[in-house]
Amino acid sequence: MSTGQWLIAPEGISWFFDAGADCLDFAAAPEPVHARDLGEWLAQRYDRLDAGEASDRDLADALALRAAIDRLATAAADRQSLDPDDVDTINLFGATPDIPPALAGGRRQAGAGRLRIGQVLSTLARDAIAILSVEPERIRRCDADDCRRVFRDESRTANRRWCSMQRCGNRAKVRAHRARQAASATPEH
């Protein structure tokens, strides 16, 4: 499974965003409009999933889970209380069968060879439960005023400030550099 994704920013520039957790990547991804969009996004991350398998019911379930994850992560980042209805939604999805762990290198495959959308949604819900239960203070918002994306700070020092160094971090550093240059070019009185 890959982590992070390439997003298209409003300015039309591609940039890398790794939210630090699969469930947060799912919540930050462009909202799927059709079941095939959902299937394609999930199949890129879960190689045993058939992209064409997603149904309209799967799409409705995914949108409900995605919205609940987004609202809870945003509340955690803003240090607000979690909405019980959203907690119930995530717990409901998390209580269903997820993707079973498997150790690579064996000669036989245990269980079903193909994944179902419901298993993937359960895995994403369990990921959300894990990050919201353990160290919720690591869920943050990007410091850039024009962004404010939610991410999980996985840095060793827990001081990540931007959703992406390639986008918001670079912009902030350029602004700070220009401000220093302008300040040094201004004559003192």
Protein backbone atom coordinates (compact mmCIF):
# COMPACT_ATOMS: atom_id res chain seq x y z
CA MET A 1 0.00 0.00 0.00
CA SER A 2 1.30 3.44 -0.86
CA THR A 3 1.11 6.40 1.44
CA GLY A 4 0.37 9.96 0.54
CA GLN A 5 -0.97 11.17 -2.75
CA TRP A 6 -0.52 13.74 -5.43
CA LEU A 7 -3.24 16.35 -5.22
CA ILE A 8 -4.16 19.07 -7.63
CA ALA A 9 -4.08 22.37 -5.78
CA PRO A 10 -6.61 25.09 -6.64
CA GLU A 11 -3.88 26.86 -8.63
CA GLY A 12 -3.55 23.79 -10.85
CA ILE A 13 -0.12 22.83 -9.45
CA SER A 14 0.53 19.21 -8.45
CA TRP A 15 2.09 18.75 -5.03
CA PHE A 16 2.71 15.90 -2.62
CA PHE A 17 0.67 15.59 0.53
CA ASP A 18 1.20 12.79 3.01
CA ALA A 19 -1.30 13.17 5.83
CA GLY A 20 0.60 10.71 8.01
CA ALA A 21 -2.23 8.18 8.18
CA ASP A 22 -4.19 6.30 5.53
CA CYS A 23 -7.51 7.45 6.99
CA LEU A 24 -6.42 11.10 6.78
CA ASP A 25 -5.26 10.62 3.18
CA PHE A 26 -8.72 9.19 2.49
CA ALA A 27 -10.42 12.19 4.11
CA ALA A 28 -8.19 14.67 2.24
CA ALA A 29 -8.53 13.06 -1.18
CA PRO A 30 -10.84 14.65 -3.73
CA GLU A 31 -14.37 13.47 -2.97
CA PRO A 32 -15.35 10.57 -5.22
CA VAL A 33 -18.36 11.45 -7.36
CA HIS A 34 -18.96 7.99 -8.83
CA ALA A 35 -18.44 4.49 -7.50
CA ARG A 36 -15.70 3.96 -10.09
CA ASP A 37 -13.79 7.00 -8.68
CA LEU A 38 -13.89 5.39 -5.24
CA GLY A 39 -12.83 2.01 -6.64
CA GLU A 40 -9.91 3.54 -8.54
CA TRP A 41 -8.65 5.55 -5.54
CA LEU A 42 -8.81 2.53 -3.23
CA ALA A 43 -7.34 0.12 -5.80
CA GLN A 44 -4.28 2.37 -6.12
CA ARG A 45 -3.63 1.85 -2.42
CA TYR A 46 -4.83 -1.72 -1.88
CA ASP A 47 -3.45 -3.95 -4.62
CA ARG A 48 -5.82 -6.88 -4.08
CA LEU A 49 -8.91 -4.72 -4.62
CA ASP A 50 -10.71 -4.77 -7.96
CA ALA A 51 -11.33 -1.13 -8.97
CA GLY A 52 -14.54 -2.06 -10.79
CA GLU A 53 -16.04 -3.70 -7.73
CA ALA A 54 -17.34 -0.52 -6.05
CA SER A 55 -21.11 -0.11 -6.02
CA ASP A 56 -23.30 2.91 -5.36
CA ARG A 57 -23.88 1.54 -1.84
CA ASP A 58 -20.10 1.34 -1.32
CA LEU A 59 -19.83 4.95 -2.46
CA ALA A 60 -22.51 6.09 0.01
CA ASP A 61 -20.77 4.18 2.83
CA ALA A 62 -17.37 5.60 1.87
CA LEU A 63 -18.69 9.15 1.77
CA ALA A 64 -20.27 8.76 5.22
CA LEU A 65 -17.05 7.33 6.67
CA ARG A 66 -14.89 9.92 4.93
CA ALA A 67 -17.00 12.80 6.28
CA ALA A 68 -16.92 11.39 9.82
CA ILE A 69 -13.13 10.94 9.70
CA ASP A 70 -12.68 14.46 8.36
CA ARG A 71 -14.88 16.05 11.04
CA LEU A 72 -13.28 14.08 13.88
CA ALA A 73 -9.73 14.76 12.70
CA THR A 74 -10.55 18.45 12.32
CA ALA A 75 -12.02 18.52 15.83
CA ALA A 76 -8.92 16.77 17.19
CA ALA A 77 -6.63 19.24 15.39
CA ASP A 78 -8.63 22.15 16.79
CA ARG A 79 -8.61 20.54 20.27
CA GLN A 80 -12.42 20.34 20.34
CA SER A 81 -14.60 17.51 21.61
CA LEU A 82 -15.46 14.72 19.20
CA ASP A 83 -19.04 14.50 17.90
CA PRO A 84 -20.67 11.31 19.27
CA ASP A 85 -22.50 10.65 15.98
CA ASP A 86 -19.21 10.71 14.06
CA VAL A 87 -17.59 8.51 16.70
CA ASP A 88 -20.49 6.04 16.29
CA THR A 89 -20.05 6.05 12.50
CA ILE A 90 -16.35 5.23 12.73
CA ASN A 91 -16.93 2.61 15.42
CA LEU A 92 -19.62 0.96 13.26
CA PHE A 93 -17.28 0.65 10.28
CA GLY A 94 -14.42 -0.43 12.53
CA ALA A 95 -16.52 -3.28 13.96
CA THR A 96 -16.83 -4.99 10.57
CA PRO A 97 -14.20 -7.38 9.13
CA ASP A 98 -11.10 -5.56 7.93
CA ILE A 99 -8.12 -6.53 5.81
CA PRO A 100 -6.45 -9.42 7.62
CA PRO A 101 -2.73 -9.03 8.19
CA ALA A 102 -0.48 -11.33 6.17
CA LEU A 103 3.21 -12.06 6.40
CA ALA A 104 4.89 -12.06 2.97
CA GLY A 105 7.07 -14.98 1.88
CA GLY A 106 4.73 -17.91 2.29
CA ARG A 107 3.75 -20.37 -0.41
CA ARG A 108 0.00 -20.29 0.25
CA GLN A 109 -2.52 -17.53 0.58
CA ALA A 110 -4.79 -17.67 3.58
CA GLY A 111 -8.29 -16.28 3.18
CA ALA A 112 -9.86 -14.68 0.15
CA GLY A 113 -7.55 -13.51 -2.60
CA ARG A 114 -9.56 -10.39 -3.40
CA LEU A 115 -10.47 -7.61 -1.04
CA ARG A 116 -13.94 -6.18 -0.70
CA ILE A 117 -14.64 -2.45 -0.38
CA GLY A 118 -16.19 -3.05 3.06
CA GLN A 119 -12.92 -4.54 4.32
CA VAL A 120 -10.99 -1.51 3.13
CA LEU A 121 -13.49 0.87 4.76
CA SER A 122 -13.19 -1.09 8.01
CA THR A 123 -9.39 -0.86 7.82
CA LEU A 124 -9.61 2.91 7.29
CA ALA A 125 -12.02 3.22 10.23
CA ARG A 126 -9.68 1.22 12.46
CA ASP A 127 -6.82 3.46 11.39
CA ALA A 128 -8.90 6.50 12.41
CA ILE A 129 -9.72 4.88 15.75
CA ALA A 130 -6.03 4.24 16.36
CA ILE A 131 -4.84 7.76 15.59
CA LEU A 132 -7.69 9.43 17.47
CA SER A 133 -7.20 7.18 20.51
CA VAL A 134 -3.41 7.27 20.76
CA GLU A 135 -1.64 10.63 20.71
CA PRO A 136 -4.51 12.73 19.30
CA GLU A 137 -2.32 15.76 20.01
CA ARG A 138 -0.25 14.75 16.97
CA ILE A 139 -3.19 15.60 14.71
CA ARG A 140 -2.57 19.12 13.50
CA ARG A 141 -3.56 21.71 10.95
CA CYS A 142 -1.20 23.23 8.41
CA ASP A 143 0.15 26.59 9.63
CA ALA A 144 -0.39 28.19 6.23
CA ASP A 145 -3.38 30.52 6.44
CA ASP A 146 -4.52 29.64 2.92
CA CYS A 147 -4.39 25.87 3.53
CA ARG A 148 -5.28 24.56 7.00
CA ARG A 149 -5.22 20.87 5.91
CA VAL A 150 -5.27 18.29 8.68
CA PHE A 151 -2.37 15.85 9.07
CA ARG A 152 -0.79 13.57 11.64
CA ASP A 153 2.58 14.84 12.79
CA GLU A 154 4.92 11.85 12.68
CA SER A 155 8.09 13.86 13.12
CA ARG A 156 10.42 12.75 15.90
CA THR A 157 10.25 16.14 17.60
CA ALA A 158 6.49 16.55 16.99
CA ASN A 159 6.96 20.00 15.47
CA ARG A 160 5.76 19.60 11.87
CA ARG A 161 4.09 22.85 10.83
CA TRP A 162 3.00 22.40 7.23
CA CYS A 163 0.99 19.86 5.31
CA SER A 164 3.77 19.71 2.74
CA MET A 165 7.24 21.20 2.54
CA GLN A 166 6.89 21.18 -1.26
CA ARG A 167 3.91 23.54 -1.08
CA CYS A 168 3.08 25.36 2.15
CA GLY A 169 6.47 25.01 3.84
CA ASN A 170 8.27 26.35 0.78
CA ARG A 171 5.82 29.24 0.45
CA ALA A 172 6.27 30.19 4.10
CA LYS A 173 10.06 30.09 3.83
CA VAL A 174 9.98 32.22 0.65
CA ARG A 175 7.70 34.78 2.35
CA ALA A 176 9.98 34.91 5.41
CA HIS A 177 13.07 35.31 3.20
CA ARG A 178 11.46 38.14 1.24
CA ALA A 179 10.36 39.84 4.44
CA ARG A 180 13.93 39.67 5.79
CA GLN A 181 15.28 41.07 2.51
CA ALA A 182 12.75 43.90 2.52
CA ALA A 183 13.54 44.70 6.15
CA SER A 184 17.28 44.82 5.46
CA ALA A 185 16.77 47.00 2.37
CA THR A 186 14.73 49.56 4.30
CA PRO A 187 16.94 52.41 5.58
CA GLU A 188 16.86 52.88 9.34
CA HIS A 189 16.07 56.30 10.79
